[in-house]
PDB file of N, CA and C in Angstrom:
ATOM      1  N   MET A   1      -6.278  39.553  60.774  1.00  0.00           N
ATOM      2  CA  MET A   1      -6.106  39.857  59.367  1.00  0.00           C
ATOM      3  C   MET A   1      -5.051  38.950  58.744  1.00  0.00           C
ATOM      4  N   LYS A   2      -3.986  38.646  59.478  1.00  0.00           N
ATOM      5  CA  LYS A   2      -2.920  37.809  58.942  1.00  0.00           C
ATOM      6  C   LYS A   2      -3.417  36.390  58.664  1.00  0.00           C
ATOM      7  N   LYS A   3      -4.409  35.940  59.420  1.00  0.00           N
ATOM      8  CA  LYS A   3      -4.948  34.605  59.211  1.00  0.00           C
ATOM      9  C   LYS A   3      -5.853  34.551  57.985  1.00  0.00           C
ATOM     10  N   MET A   4      -6.426  35.687  57.598  1.00  0.00           N
ATOM     11  CA  MET A   4      -7.315  35.720  56.445  1.00  0.00           C
ATOM     12  C   MET A   4      -6.553  35.705  55.125  1.00  0.00           C
ATOM     13  N   ILE A   5      -5.350  36.211  55.099  1.00  0.00           N
ATOM     14  CA  ILE A   5      -4.592  36.310  53.854  1.00  0.00           C
ATOM     15  C   ILE A   5      -4.362  34.945  53.211  1.00  0.00           C
ATOM     16  N   PRO A   6      -3.919  33.902  53.934  1.00  0.00           N
ATOM     17  CA  PRO A   6      -3.769  32.597  53.277  1.00  0.00           C
ATOM     18  C   PRO A   6      -5.087  32.044  52.727  1.00  0.00           C
ATOM     19  N   ALA A   7      -6.180  32.260  53.438  1.00  0.00           N
ATOM     20  CA  ALA A   7      -7.480  31.782  52.963  1.00  0.00           C
ATOM     21  C   ALA A   7      -7.887  32.507  51.689  1.00  0.00           C
ATOM     22  N   LEU A   8      -7.678  33.813  51.644  1.00  0.00           N
ATOM     23  CA  LEU A   8      -8.010  34.579  50.443  1.00  0.00           C
ATOM     24  C   LEU A   8      -7.128  34.175  49.271  1.00  0.00           C
ATOM     25  N   LEU A   9      -5.857  33.913  49.543  1.00  0.00           N
ATOM     26  CA  LEU A   9      -4.961  33.468  48.482  1.00  0.00           C
ATOM     27  C   LEU A   9      -5.374  32.100  47.955  1.00  0.00           C
ATOM     28  N   LEU A  10      -5.826  31.207  48.840  1.00  0.00           N
ATOM     29  CA  LEU A  10      -6.271  29.884  48.419  1.00  0.00           C
ATOM     30  C   LEU A  10      -7.476  29.998  47.493  1.00  0.00           C
ATOM     31  N   ILE A  11      -8.410  30.846  47.839  1.00  0.00           N
ATOM     32  CA  ILE A  11      -9.590  31.046  47.001  1.00  0.00           C
ATOM     33  C   ILE A  11      -9.185  31.638  45.662  1.00  0.00           C
ATOM     34  N   LEU A  12      -8.275  32.576  45.677  1.00  0.00           N
ATOM     35  CA  LEU A  12      -7.824  33.219  44.452  1.00  0.00           C
ATOM     36  C   LEU A  12      -7.068  32.242  43.564  1.00  0.00           C
ATOM     37  N   VAL A  13      -6.203  31.436  44.148  1.00  0.00           N
ATOM     38  CA  VAL A  13      -5.371  30.527  43.374  1.00  0.00           C
ATOM     39  C   VAL A  13      -6.154  29.352  42.823  1.00  0.00           C
ATOM     40  N   CYS A  14      -7.003  28.726  43.645  1.00  0.00           N
ATOM     41  CA  CYS A  14      -7.697  27.519  43.178  1.00  0.00           C
ATOM     42  C   CYS A  14      -8.940  27.843  42.367  1.00  0.00           C
ATOM     43  N   GLY A  15      -9.381  29.087  42.370  1.00  0.00           N
ATOM     44  CA  GLY A  15     -10.573  29.431  41.613  1.00  0.00           C
ATOM     45  C   GLY A  15     -11.842  28.899  42.232  1.00  0.00           C
ATOM     46  N   CYS A  16     -11.786  28.574  43.498  1.00  0.00           N
ATOM     47  CA  CYS A  16     -12.967  28.055  44.190  1.00  0.00           C
ATOM     48  C   CYS A  16     -14.044  29.127  44.192  1.00  0.00           C
ATOM     49  N   GLY A  17     -15.236  28.733  44.110  1.00  0.00           N
ATOM     50  CA  GLY A  17     -16.350  29.666  44.130  1.00  0.00           C
ATOM     51  C   GLY A  17     -17.609  28.928  43.767  1.00  0.00           C
ATOM     52  N   PRO A  18     -18.708  29.628  43.708  1.00  0.00           N
ATOM     53  CA  PRO A  18     -19.974  28.961  43.467  1.00  0.00           C
ATOM     54  C   PRO A  18     -20.148  28.437  42.043  1.00  0.00           C
ATOM     55  N   GLY A  19     -19.448  28.952  41.052  1.00  0.00           N
ATOM     56  CA  GLY A  19     -19.613  28.498  39.681  1.00  0.00           C
ATOM     57  C   GLY A  19     -20.733  29.211  38.944  1.00  0.00           C
ATOM     58  N   TYR A  20     -21.310  30.223  39.573  1.00  0.00           N
ATOM     59  CA  TYR A  20     -22.374  31.002  38.943  1.00  0.00           C
ATOM     60  C   TYR A  20     -22.325  32.426  39.474  1.00  0.00           C
ATOM     61  N   ASN A  21     -22.971  33.337  38.743  1.00  0.00           N
ATOM     62  CA  ASN A  21     -23.121  34.726  39.180  1.00  0.00           C
ATOM     63  C   ASN A  21     -24.586  34.963  39.484  1.00  0.00           C
ATOM     64  N   PHE A  22     -24.868  35.482  40.671  1.00  0.00           N
ATOM     65  CA  PHE A  22     -26.250  35.735  41.092  1.00  0.00           C
ATOM     66  C   PHE A  22     -26.451  37.219  41.312  1.00  0.00           C
ATOM     67  N   SER A  23     -27.541  37.753  40.763  1.00  0.00           N
ATOM     68  CA  SER A  23     -27.922  39.148  40.961  1.00  0.00           C
ATOM     69  C   SER A  23     -29.335  39.165  41.517  1.00  0.00           C
ATOM     70  N   PRO A  24     -29.518  39.634  42.750  1.00  0.00           N
ATOM     71  CA  PRO A  24     -30.872  39.640  43.326  1.00  0.00           C
ATOM     72  C   PRO A  24     -31.803  40.576  42.558  1.00  0.00           C
ATOM     73  N   TYR A  25     -33.072  40.213  42.516  1.00  0.00           N
ATOM     74  CA  TYR A  25     -34.092  41.036  41.857  1.00  0.00           C
ATOM     75  C   TYR A  25     -34.474  42.179  42.773  1.00  0.00           C
ATOM     76  N   ILE A  26     -34.395  43.383  42.249  1.00  0.00           N
ATOM     77  CA  ILE A  26     -34.792  44.566  43.008  1.00  0.00           C
ATOM     78  C   ILE A  26     -35.883  45.248  42.210  1.00  0.00           C
ATOM     79  N   GLY A  27     -37.037  45.320  42.766  1.00  0.00           N
ATOM     80  CA  GLY A  27     -38.160  45.927  42.060  1.00  0.00           C
ATOM     81  C   GLY A  27     -39.461  45.402  42.618  1.00  0.00           C
ATOM     82  N   GLN A  28     -40.533  45.958  42.091  1.00  0.00           N
ATOM     83  CA  GLN A  28     -41.851  45.562  42.553  1.00  0.00           C
ATOM     84  C   GLN A  28     -42.226  44.230  41.927  1.00  0.00           C
ATOM     85  N   GLN A  29     -42.683  43.315  42.757  1.00  0.00           N
ATOM     86  CA  GLN A  29     -43.155  42.027  42.256  1.00  0.00           C
ATOM     87  C   GLN A  29     -44.533  42.232  41.643  1.00  0.00           C
ATOM     88  N   GLN A  30     -44.855  41.415  40.672  1.00  0.00           N
ATOM     89  CA  GLN A  30     -46.151  41.506  40.019  1.00  0.00           C
ATOM     90  C   GLN A  30     -46.669  40.105  39.722  1.00  0.00           C
ATOM     91  N   ASN A  31     -47.791  40.024  39.053  1.00  0.00           N
ATOM     92  CA  ASN A  31     -48.323  38.728  38.662  1.00  0.00           C
ATOM     93  C   ASN A  31     -47.580  38.273  37.410  1.00  0.00           C
ATOM     94  N   TRP A  32     -46.629  37.390  37.590  1.00  0.00           N
ATOM     95  CA  TRP A  32     -45.820  36.943  36.473  1.00  0.00           C
ATOM     96  C   TRP A  32     -46.568  35.921  35.646  1.00  0.00           C
ATOM     97  N   THR A  33     -46.243  35.839  34.379  1.00  0.00           N
ATOM     98  CA  THR A  33     -46.905  34.956  33.427  1.00  0.00           C
ATOM     99  C   THR A  33     -46.829  33.501  33.866  1.00  0.00           C
ATOM    100  N   THR A  34     -47.946  32.830  33.815  1.00  0.00           N
ATOM    101  CA  THR A  34     -47.984  31.397  34.095  1.00  0.00           C
ATOM    102  C   THR A  34     -48.782  30.721  32.993  1.00  0.00           C
ATOM    103  N   GLN A  35     -48.643  29.443  32.887  1.00  0.00           N
ATOM    104  CA  GLN A  35     -49.424  28.677  31.930  1.00  0.00           C
ATOM    105  C   GLN A  35     -49.577  27.272  32.478  1.00  0.00           C
ATOM    106  N   PRO A  36     -50.595  26.558  32.037  1.00  0.00           N
ATOM    107  CA  PRO A  36     -50.789  25.217  32.570  1.00  0.00           C
ATOM    108  C   PRO A  36     -49.690  24.262  32.118  1.00  0.00           C
ATOM    109  N   GLY A  37     -49.133  23.578  33.085  1.00  0.00           N
ATOM    110  CA  GLY A  37     -48.147  22.537  32.802  1.00  0.00           C
ATOM    111  C   GLY A  37     -46.938  23.022  32.043  1.00  0.00           C
ATOM    112  N   GLY A  38     -46.370  22.143  31.284  1.00  0.00           N
ATOM    113  CA  GLY A  38     -45.194  22.484  30.511  1.00  0.00           C
ATOM    114  C   GLY A  38     -44.089  21.478  30.763  1.00  0.00           C
ATOM    115  N   TYR A  39     -43.150  21.492  29.876  1.00  0.00           N
ATOM    116  CA  TYR A  39     -41.995  20.609  29.997  1.00  0.00           C
ATOM    117  C   TYR A  39     -41.103  21.080  31.137  1.00  0.00           C
ATOM    118  N   VAL A  40     -40.700  20.182  32.003  1.00  0.00           N
ATOM    119  CA  VAL A  40     -39.857  20.501  33.151  1.00  0.00           C
ATOM    120  C   VAL A  40     -38.645  19.588  33.133  1.00  0.00           C
ATOM    121  N   LYS A  41     -37.491  20.142  33.432  1.00  0.00           N
ATOM    122  CA  LYS A  41     -36.265  19.356  33.516  1.00  0.00           C
ATOM    123  C   LYS A  41     -35.797  19.402  34.966  1.00  0.00           C
ATOM    124  N   VAL A  42     -35.432  18.258  35.518  1.00  0.00           N
ATOM    125  CA  VAL A  42     -34.945  18.204  36.893  1.00  0.00           C
ATOM    126  C   VAL A  42     -33.459  17.851  36.849  1.00  0.00           C
ATOM    127  N   VAL A  43     -32.638  18.738  37.408  1.00  0.00           N
ATOM    128  CA  VAL A  43     -31.185  18.542  37.459  1.00  0.00           C
ATOM    129  C   VAL A  43     -30.770  18.601  38.924  1.00  0.00           C
ATOM    130  N   ASP A  44     -30.168  17.547  39.427  1.00  0.00           N
ATOM    131  CA  ASP A  44     -29.726  17.464  40.830  1.00  0.00           C
ATOM    132  C   ASP A  44     -30.828  17.853  41.808  1.00  0.00           C
ATOM    133  N   GLY A  45     -32.044  17.430  41.536  1.00  0.00           N
ATOM    134  CA  GLY A  45     -33.165  17.703  42.427  1.00  0.00           C
ATOM    135  C   GLY A  45     -33.745  19.096  42.305  1.00  0.00           C
ATOM    136  N   ALA A  46     -33.254  19.906  41.375  1.00  0.00           N
ATOM    137  CA  ALA A  46     -33.775  21.257  41.168  1.00  0.00           C
ATOM    138  C   ALA A  46     -34.590  21.284  39.876  1.00  0.00           C
ATOM    139  N   THR A  47     -35.744  21.944  39.922  1.00  0.00           N
ATOM    140  CA  THR A  47     -36.616  22.042  38.761  1.00  0.00           C
ATOM    141  C   THR A  47     -36.161  23.196  37.875  1.00  0.00           C
ATOM    142  N   LEU A  48     -35.924  22.904  36.595  1.00  0.00           N
ATOM    143  CA  LEU A  48     -35.532  23.919  35.621  1.00  0.00           C
ATOM    144  C   LEU A  48     -36.584  23.956  34.518  1.00  0.00           C
ATOM    145  N   TYR A  49     -37.178  25.123  34.303  1.00  0.00           N
ATOM    146  CA  TYR A  49     -38.139  25.304  33.228  1.00  0.00           C
ATOM    147  C   TYR A  49     -37.388  25.828  32.007  1.00  0.00           C
ATOM    148  N   PRO A  50     -37.422  25.112  30.872  1.00  0.00           N
ATOM    149  CA  PRO A  50     -36.721  25.560  29.665  1.00  0.00           C
ATOM    150  C   PRO A  50     -37.332  26.840  29.100  1.00  0.00           C
ATOM    151  N   PRO A  51     -36.644  27.502  28.158  1.00  0.00           N
ATOM    152  CA  PRO A  51     -37.184  28.735  27.564  1.00  0.00           C
ATOM    153  C   PRO A  51     -38.590  28.528  27.010  1.00  0.00           C
ATOM    154  N   GLY A  52     -39.489  29.457  27.334  1.00  0.00           N
ATOM    155  CA  GLY A  52     -40.867  29.393  26.857  1.00  0.00           C
ATOM    156  C   GLY A  52     -41.807  28.595  27.732  1.00  0.00           C
ATOM    157  N   GLN A  53     -41.298  27.908  28.753  1.00  0.00           N
ATOM    158  CA  GLN A  53     -42.139  27.127  29.657  1.00  0.00           C
ATOM    159  C   GLN A  53     -42.235  27.845  31.004  1.00  0.00           C
ATOM    160  N   PHE A  54     -43.436  27.872  31.556  1.00  0.00           N
ATOM    161  CA  PHE A  54     -43.661  28.547  32.830  1.00  0.00           C
ATOM    162  C   PHE A  54     -44.420  27.624  33.770  1.00  0.00           C
ATOM    163  N   PRO A  55     -44.269  27.816  35.088  1.00  0.00           N
ATOM    164  CA  PRO A  55     -45.036  26.994  36.033  1.00  0.00           C
ATOM    165  C   PRO A  55     -46.518  27.338  35.982  1.00  0.00           C
ATOM    166  N   ASN A  56     -47.337  26.465  36.510  1.00  0.00           N
ATOM    167  CA  ASN A  56     -48.788  26.677  36.467  1.00  0.00           C
ATOM    168  C   ASN A  56     -49.314  27.330  37.741  1.00  0.00           C
ATOM    169  N   ARG A  57     -48.449  27.964  38.497  1.00  0.00           N
ATOM    170  CA  ARG A  57     -48.898  28.712  39.681  1.00  0.00           C
ATOM    171  C   ARG A  57     -48.046  29.973  39.823  1.00  0.00           C
ATOM    172  N   SER A  58     -48.541  30.918  40.593  1.00  0.00           N
ATOM    173  CA  SER A  58     -47.855  32.204  40.690  1.00  0.00           C
ATOM    174  C   SER A  58     -46.548  32.076  41.466  1.00  0.00           C
ATOM    175  N   TYR A  59     -45.639  32.991  41.185  1.00  0.00           N
ATOM    176  CA  TYR A  59     -44.311  32.952  41.795  1.00  0.00           C
ATOM    177  C   TYR A  59     -43.748  34.359  41.905  1.00  0.00           C
ATOM    178  N   ILE A  60     -42.709  34.480  42.700  1.00  0.00           N
ATOM    179  CA  ILE A  60     -41.951  35.732  42.779  1.00  0.00           C
ATOM    180  C   ILE A  60     -40.535  35.442  42.291  1.00  0.00           C
ATOM    181  N   ILE A  61     -39.898  36.469  41.747  1.00  0.00           N
ATOM    182  CA  ILE A  61     -38.536  36.317  41.233  1.00  0.00           C
ATOM    183  C   ILE A  61     -37.547  36.698  42.328  1.00  0.00           C
ATOM    184  N   LEU A  62     -36.605  35.812  42.606  1.00  0.00           N
ATOM    185  CA  LEU A  62     -35.563  36.088  43.588  1.00  0.00           C
ATOM    186  C   LEU A  62     -34.376  36.810  42.955  1.00  0.00           C
ATOM    187  N   GLY A  63     -34.076  36.498  41.705  1.00  0.00           N
ATOM    188  CA  GLY A  63     -32.959  37.136  41.025  1.00  0.00           C
ATOM    189  C   GLY A  63     -32.533  36.367  39.793  1.00  0.00           C
ATOM    190  N   ALA A  64     -31.534  36.906  39.118  1.00  0.00           N
ATOM    191  CA  ALA A  64     -31.009  36.295  37.905  1.00  0.00           C
ATOM    192  C   ALA A  64     -29.717  35.565  38.207  1.00  0.00           C
ATOM    193  N   VAL A  65     -29.487  34.482  37.498  1.00  0.00           N
ATOM    194  CA  VAL A  65     -28.265  33.707  37.675  1.00  0.00           C
ATOM    195  C   VAL A  65     -27.708  33.376  36.286  1.00  0.00           C
ATOM    196  N   THR A  66     -26.382  33.465  36.170  1.00  0.00           N
ATOM    197  CA  THR A  66     -25.683  33.148  34.927  1.00  0.00           C
ATOM    198  C   THR A  66     -24.593  32.146  35.228  1.00  0.00           C
ATOM    199  N   SER A  67     -24.470  31.133  34.370  1.00  0.00           N
ATOM    200  CA  SER A  67     -23.449  30.112  34.568  1.00  0.00           C
ATOM    201  C   SER A  67     -23.087  29.492  33.227  1.00  0.00           C
ATOM    202  N   ASP A  68     -22.171  28.537  33.289  1.00  0.00           N
ATOM    203  CA  ASP A  68     -21.765  27.869  32.062  1.00  0.00           C
ATOM    204  C   ASP A  68     -22.430  26.507  31.879  1.00  0.00           C
ATOM    205  N   ASN A  69     -23.213  26.041  32.859  1.00  0.00           N
ATOM    206  CA  ASN A  69     -23.924  24.771  32.682  1.00  0.00           C
ATOM    207  C   ASN A  69     -25.123  24.685  33.617  1.00  0.00           C
ATOM    208  N   GLU A  70     -25.998  23.731  33.338  1.00  0.00           N
ATOM    209  CA  GLU A  70     -27.225  23.573  34.124  1.00  0.00           C
ATOM    210  C   GLU A  70     -26.961  23.053  35.530  1.00  0.00           C
ATOM    211  N   ASN A  71     -25.887  22.332  35.739  1.00  0.00           N
ATOM    212  CA  ASN A  71     -25.569  21.848  37.083  1.00  0.00           C
ATOM    213  C   ASN A  71     -25.311  23.005  38.033  1.00  0.00           C
ATOM    214  N   ASN A  72     -24.639  24.052  37.559  1.00  0.00           N
ATOM    215  CA  ASN A  72     -24.404  25.223  38.406  1.00  0.00           C
ATOM    216  C   ASN A  72     -25.697  26.005  38.643  1.00  0.00           C
ATOM    217  N   ILE A  73     -26.619  25.993  37.674  1.00  0.00           N
ATOM    218  CA  ILE A  73     -27.928  26.630  37.888  1.00  0.00           C
ATOM    219  C   ILE A  73     -28.678  25.871  38.987  1.00  0.00           C
ATOM    220  N   ALA A  74     -28.613  24.548  38.958  1.00  0.00           N
ATOM    221  CA  ALA A  74     -29.251  23.743  40.006  1.00  0.00           C
ATOM    222  C   ALA A  74     -28.612  24.026  41.360  1.00  0.00           C
ATOM    223  N   LYS A  75     -27.305  24.192  41.372  1.00  0.00           N
ATOM    224  CA  LYS A  75     -26.600  24.531  42.613  1.00  0.00           C
ATOM    225  C   LYS A  75     -27.077  25.885  43.137  1.00  0.00           C
ATOM    226  N   ALA A  76     -27.288  26.853  42.236  1.00  0.00           N
ATOM    227  CA  ALA A  76     -27.790  28.170  42.638  1.00  0.00           C
ATOM    228  C   ALA A  76     -29.196  28.071  43.212  1.00  0.00           C
ATOM    229  N   VAL A  77     -30.036  27.204  42.638  1.00  0.00           N
ATOM    230  CA  VAL A  77     -31.402  27.021  43.157  1.00  0.00           C
ATOM    231  C   VAL A  77     -31.335  26.562  44.607  1.00  0.00           C
ATOM    232  N   HIS A  78     -30.464  25.603  44.897  1.00  0.00           N
ATOM    233  CA  HIS A  78     -30.343  25.096  46.268  1.00  0.00           C
ATOM    234  C   HIS A  78     -29.727  26.136  47.203  1.00  0.00           C
ATOM    235  N   GLU A  79     -28.644  26.770  46.788  1.00  0.00           N
ATOM    236  CA  GLU A  79     -27.929  27.702  47.673  1.00  0.00           C
ATOM    237  C   GLU A  79     -28.691  29.001  47.920  1.00  0.00           C
ATOM    238  N   GLN A  80     -29.502  29.443  46.965  1.00  0.00           N
ATOM    239  CA  GLN A  80     -30.271  30.686  47.137  1.00  0.00           C
ATOM    240  C   GLN A  80     -31.677  30.418  47.676  1.00  0.00           C
ATOM    241  N   HIS A  81     -31.965  29.164  48.040  1.00  0.00           N
ATOM    242  CA  HIS A  81     -33.242  28.754  48.623  1.00  0.00           C
ATOM    243  C   HIS A  81     -34.425  29.069  47.703  1.00  0.00           C
ATOM    244  N   ALA A  82     -34.238  28.821  46.433  1.00  0.00           N
ATOM    245  CA  ALA A  82     -35.304  29.010  45.450  1.00  0.00           C
ATOM    246  C   ALA A  82     -36.059  27.696  45.270  1.00  0.00           C
ATOM    247  N   ASP A  83     -37.229  27.780  44.653  1.00  0.00           N
ATOM    248  CA  ASP A  83     -38.009  26.579  44.367  1.00  0.00           C
ATOM    249  C   ASP A  83     -37.705  26.027  42.981  1.00  0.00           C
ATOM    250  N   ALA A  84     -37.358  26.909  42.044  1.00  0.00           N
ATOM    251  CA  ALA A  84     -37.095  26.479  40.671  1.00  0.00           C
ATOM    252  C   ALA A  84     -36.342  27.577  39.937  1.00  0.00           C
ATOM    253  N   ALA A  85     -35.995  27.298  38.679  1.00  0.00           N
ATOM    254  CA  ALA A  85     -35.328  28.282  37.825  1.00  0.00           C
ATOM    255  C   ALA A  85     -36.018  28.318  36.479  1.00  0.00           C
ATOM    256  N   LEU A  86     -36.235  29.540  35.963  1.00  0.00           N
ATOM    257  CA  LEU A  86     -36.779  29.729  34.627  1.00  0.00           C
ATOM    258  C   LEU A  86     -35.609  30.046  33.704  1.00  0.00           C
ATOM    259  N   VAL A  87     -35.209  29.099  32.902  1.00  0.00           N
ATOM    260  CA  VAL A  87     -34.093  29.301  31.982  1.00  0.00           C
ATOM    261  C   VAL A  87     -34.603  30.123  30.805  1.00  0.00           C
ATOM    262  N   TYR A  88     -33.928  31.250  30.502  1.00  0.00           N
ATOM    263  CA  TYR A  88     -34.371  32.036  29.357  1.00  0.00           C
ATOM    264  C   TYR A  88     -33.370  32.040  28.217  1.00  0.00           C
ATOM    265  N   THR A  89     -32.127  31.682  28.436  1.00  0.00           N
ATOM    266  CA  THR A  89     -31.203  31.426  27.328  1.00  0.00           C
ATOM    267  C   THR A  89     -30.295  30.273  27.699  1.00  0.00           C
ATOM    268  N   ASP A  90     -30.057  29.429  26.742  1.00  0.00           N
ATOM    269  CA  ASP A  90     -29.147  28.295  26.901  1.00  0.00           C
ATOM    270  C   ASP A  90     -28.438  28.157  25.560  1.00  0.00           C
ATOM    271  N   ILE A  91     -27.271  28.794  25.448  1.00  0.00           N
ATOM    272  CA  ILE A  91     -26.596  28.832  24.153  1.00  0.00           C
ATOM    273  C   ILE A  91     -25.246  28.129  24.211  1.00  0.00           C
ATOM    274  N   THR A  92     -24.870  27.584  23.087  1.00  0.00           N
ATOM    275  CA  THR A  92     -23.543  27.015  22.909  1.00  0.00           C
ATOM    276  C   THR A  92     -22.882  27.820  21.803  1.00  0.00           C
ATOM    277  N   TYR A  93     -21.673  28.265  22.043  1.00  0.00           N
ATOM    278  CA  TYR A  93     -20.988  29.096  21.059  1.00  0.00           C
ATOM    279  C   TYR A  93     -19.602  28.524  20.788  1.00  0.00           C
ATOM    280  N   ARG A  94     -19.091  28.843  19.635  1.00  0.00           N
ATOM    281  CA  ARG A  94     -17.788  28.341  19.221  1.00  0.00           C
ATOM    282  C   ARG A  94     -16.695  29.255  19.766  1.00  0.00           C
ATOM    283  N   THR A  95     -15.692  28.663  20.396  1.00  0.00           N
ATOM    284  CA  THR A  95     -14.592  29.442  20.960  1.00  0.00           C
ATOM    285  C   THR A  95     -13.302  29.282  20.172  1.00  0.00           C
ATOM    286  N   GLY A  96     -13.278  28.352  19.247  1.00  0.00           N
ATOM    287  CA  GLY A  96     -12.079  28.122  18.450  1.00  0.00           C
ATOM    288  C   GLY A  96     -12.090  26.715  17.884  1.00  0.00           C
ATOM    289  N   ALA A  97     -10.921  26.270  17.459  1.00  0.00           N
ATOM    290  CA  ALA A  97     -10.797  24.922  16.905  1.00  0.00           C
ATOM    291  C   ALA A  97      -9.375  24.422  17.125  1.00  0.00           C
ATOM    292  N   VAL A  98      -9.248  23.124  17.129  1.00  0.00           N
ATOM    293  CA  VAL A  98      -7.944  22.480  17.249  1.00  0.00           C
ATOM    294  C   VAL A  98      -7.742  21.652  15.985  1.00  0.00           C
ATOM    295  N   ALA A  99      -6.613  21.873  15.319  1.00  0.00           N
ATOM    296  CA  ALA A  99      -6.295  21.083  14.139  1.00  0.00           C
ATOM    297  C   ALA A  99      -5.534  19.836  14.587  1.00  0.00           C
ATOM    298  N   VAL A 100      -5.987  18.687  14.106  1.00  0.00           N
ATOM    299  CA  VAL A 100      -5.364  17.417  14.448  1.00  0.00           C
ATOM    300  C   VAL A 100      -4.855  16.796  13.148  1.00  0.00           C
ATOM    301  N   ALA A 101      -3.618  16.371  13.168  1.00  0.00           N
ATOM    302  CA  ALA A 101      -3.038  15.796  11.957  1.00  0.00           C
ATOM    303  C   ALA A 101      -2.485  14.413  12.250  1.00  0.00           C
ATOM    304  N   GLY A 102      -2.581  13.571  11.259  1.00  0.00           N
ATOM    305  CA  GLY A 102      -2.022  12.235  11.332  1.00  0.00           C
ATOM    306  C   GLY A 102      -1.408  11.904   9.987  1.00  0.00           C
ATOM    307  N   PRO A 103      -0.828  10.761   9.856  1.00  0.00           N
ATOM    308  CA  PRO A 103      -0.231  10.392   8.579  1.00  0.00           C
ATOM    309  C   PRO A 103      -1.273  10.376   7.454  1.00  0.00           C
ATOM    310  N   GLY A 104      -1.149  11.288   6.533  1.00  0.00           N
ATOM    311  CA  GLY A 104      -2.039  11.352   5.377  1.00  0.00           C
ATOM    312  C   GLY A 104      -3.402  11.957   5.635  1.00  0.00           C
ATOM    313  N   MET A 105      -3.661  12.520   6.819  1.00  0.00           N
ATOM    314  CA  MET A 105      -4.964  13.128   7.079  1.00  0.00           C
ATOM    315  C   MET A 105      -4.823  14.296   8.053  1.00  0.00           C
ATOM    316  N   ILE A 106      -5.778  15.202   7.969  1.00  0.00           N
ATOM    317  CA  ILE A 106      -5.855  16.344   8.872  1.00  0.00           C
ATOM    318  C   ILE A 106      -7.334  16.678   9.071  1.00  0.00           C
ATOM    319  N   TRP A 107      -7.709  17.010  10.269  1.00  0.00           N
ATOM    320  CA  TRP A 107      -9.081  17.413  10.538  1.00  0.00           C
ATOM    321  C   TRP A 107      -9.092  18.439  11.652  1.00  0.00           C
ATOM    322  N   SER A 108     -10.224  19.081  11.806  1.00  0.00           N
ATOM    323  CA  SER A 108     -10.382  20.145  12.787  1.00  0.00           C
ATOM    324  C   SER A 108     -11.468  19.750  13.786  1.00  0.00           C
ATOM    325  N   VAL A 109     -11.183  19.969  15.041  1.00  0.00           N
ATOM    326  CA  VAL A 109     -12.136  19.682  16.106  1.00  0.00           C
ATOM    327  C   VAL A 109     -12.574  21.016  16.708  1.00  0.00           C
ATOM    328  N   PRO A 110     -13.865  21.359  16.634  1.00  0.00           N
ATOM    329  CA  PRO A 110     -14.310  22.644  17.182  1.00  0.00           C
ATOM    330  C   PRO A 110     -14.299  22.642  18.714  1.00  0.00           C
ATOM    331  N   LEU A 111     -13.946  23.775  19.280  1.00  0.00           N
ATOM    332  CA  LEU A 111     -14.026  23.990  20.719  1.00  0.00           C
ATOM    333  C   LEU A 111     -15.247  24.859  20.981  1.00  0.00           C
ATOM    334  N   THR A 112     -16.041  24.488  21.973  1.00  0.00           N
ATOM    335  CA  THR A 112     -17.259  25.240  22.257  1.00  0.00           C
ATOM    336  C   THR A 112     -17.333  25.628  23.733  1.00  0.00           C
ATOM    337  N   GLY A 113     -18.111  26.622  23.989  1.00  0.00           N
ATOM    338  CA  GLY A 113     -18.429  27.050  25.346  1.00  0.00           C
ATOM    339  C   GLY A 113     -19.936  27.158  25.455  1.00  0.00           C
ATOM    340  N   SER A 114     -20.433  27.298  26.653  1.00  0.00           N
ATOM    341  CA  SER A 114     -21.880  27.455  26.806  1.00  0.00           C
ATOM    342  C   SER A 114     -22.180  28.497  27.862  1.00  0.00           C
ATOM    343  N   LYS A 115     -23.375  29.064  27.765  1.00  0.00           N
ATOM    344  CA  LYS A 115     -23.824  30.072  28.715  1.00  0.00           C
ATOM    345  C   LYS A 115     -25.307  29.848  28.974  1.00  0.00           C
ATOM    346  N   VAL A 116     -25.656  29.761  30.244  1.00  0.00           N
ATOM    347  CA  VAL A 116     -27.050  29.554  30.645  1.00  0.00           C
ATOM    348  C   VAL A 116     -27.449  30.719  31.541  1.00  0.00           C
ATOM    349  N   ASN A 117     -28.549  31.378  31.190  1.00  0.00           N
ATOM    350  CA  ASN A 117     -29.113  32.467  32.001  1.00  0.00           C
ATOM    351  C   ASN A 117     -30.485  32.026  32.498  1.00  0.00           C
ATOM    352  N   ALA A 118     -30.780  32.300  33.761  1.00  0.00           N
ATOM    353  CA  ALA A 118     -32.056  31.886  34.332  1.00  0.00           C
ATOM    354  C   ALA A 118     -32.500  32.868  35.402  1.00  0.00           C
ATOM    355  N   GLN A 119     -33.785  32.819  35.721  1.00  0.00           N
ATOM    356  CA  GLN A 119     -34.366  33.562  36.828  1.00  0.00           C
ATOM    357  C   GLN A 119     -34.676  32.545  37.924  1.00  0.00           C
ATOM    358  N   LEU A 120     -34.226  32.816  39.131  1.00  0.00           N
ATOM    359  CA  LEU A 120     -34.580  31.962  40.265  1.00  0.00           C
ATOM    360  C   LEU A 120     -35.929  32.425  40.798  1.00  0.00           C
ATOM    361  N   ILE A 121     -36.827  31.466  41.045  1.00  0.00           N
ATOM    362  CA  ILE A 121     -38.178  31.817  41.490  1.00  0.00           C
ATOM    363  C   ILE A 121     -38.533  31.071  42.769  1.00  0.00           C
ATOM    364  N   LYS A 122     -39.476  31.649  43.480  1.00  0.00           N
ATOM    365  CA  LYS A 122     -40.038  31.029  44.684  1.00  0.00           C
ATOM    366  C   LYS A 122     -41.553  31.059  44.502  1.00  0.00           C
ATOM    367  N   PHE A 123     -42.207  29.921  44.702  1.00  0.00           N
ATOM    368  CA  PHE A 123     -43.656  29.851  44.536  1.00  0.00           C
ATOM    369  C   PHE A 123     -44.347  30.527  45.707  1.00  0.00           C
ATOM    370  N   ARG A 124     -45.498  31.143  45.406  1.00  0.00           N
ATOM    371  CA  ARG A 124     -46.291  31.820  46.442  1.00  0.00           C
ATOM    372  C   ARG A 124     -47.176  30.843  47.162  1.00  0.00           C
TER     373      ARG A 124
END
């Protein structure tokens, strides 16, 4: 136990972690909506289907994942052994602003954050 405390403190202090939140799907699988083709985005070798786009073959849902960027969604696809991710929201929101002033001028620079929600899927 004494050896685990420094490791736990390191994780707590550096904020190391996966960069996403994963919730496994619990429920009965069914025939999920598919459609022919569609726009596909590939990030770090992981296939991401944007909102409204579905694969052209049947799949099962492994779970939901939430993150602040698409790179972490791609990381979740690899780490959770999924085949792809169905992105259902990808929003950018304003978190504040920074006022910048110089001689004779002033302007505001908006600060933004982002949130990406997706379903991890595995093809049948």
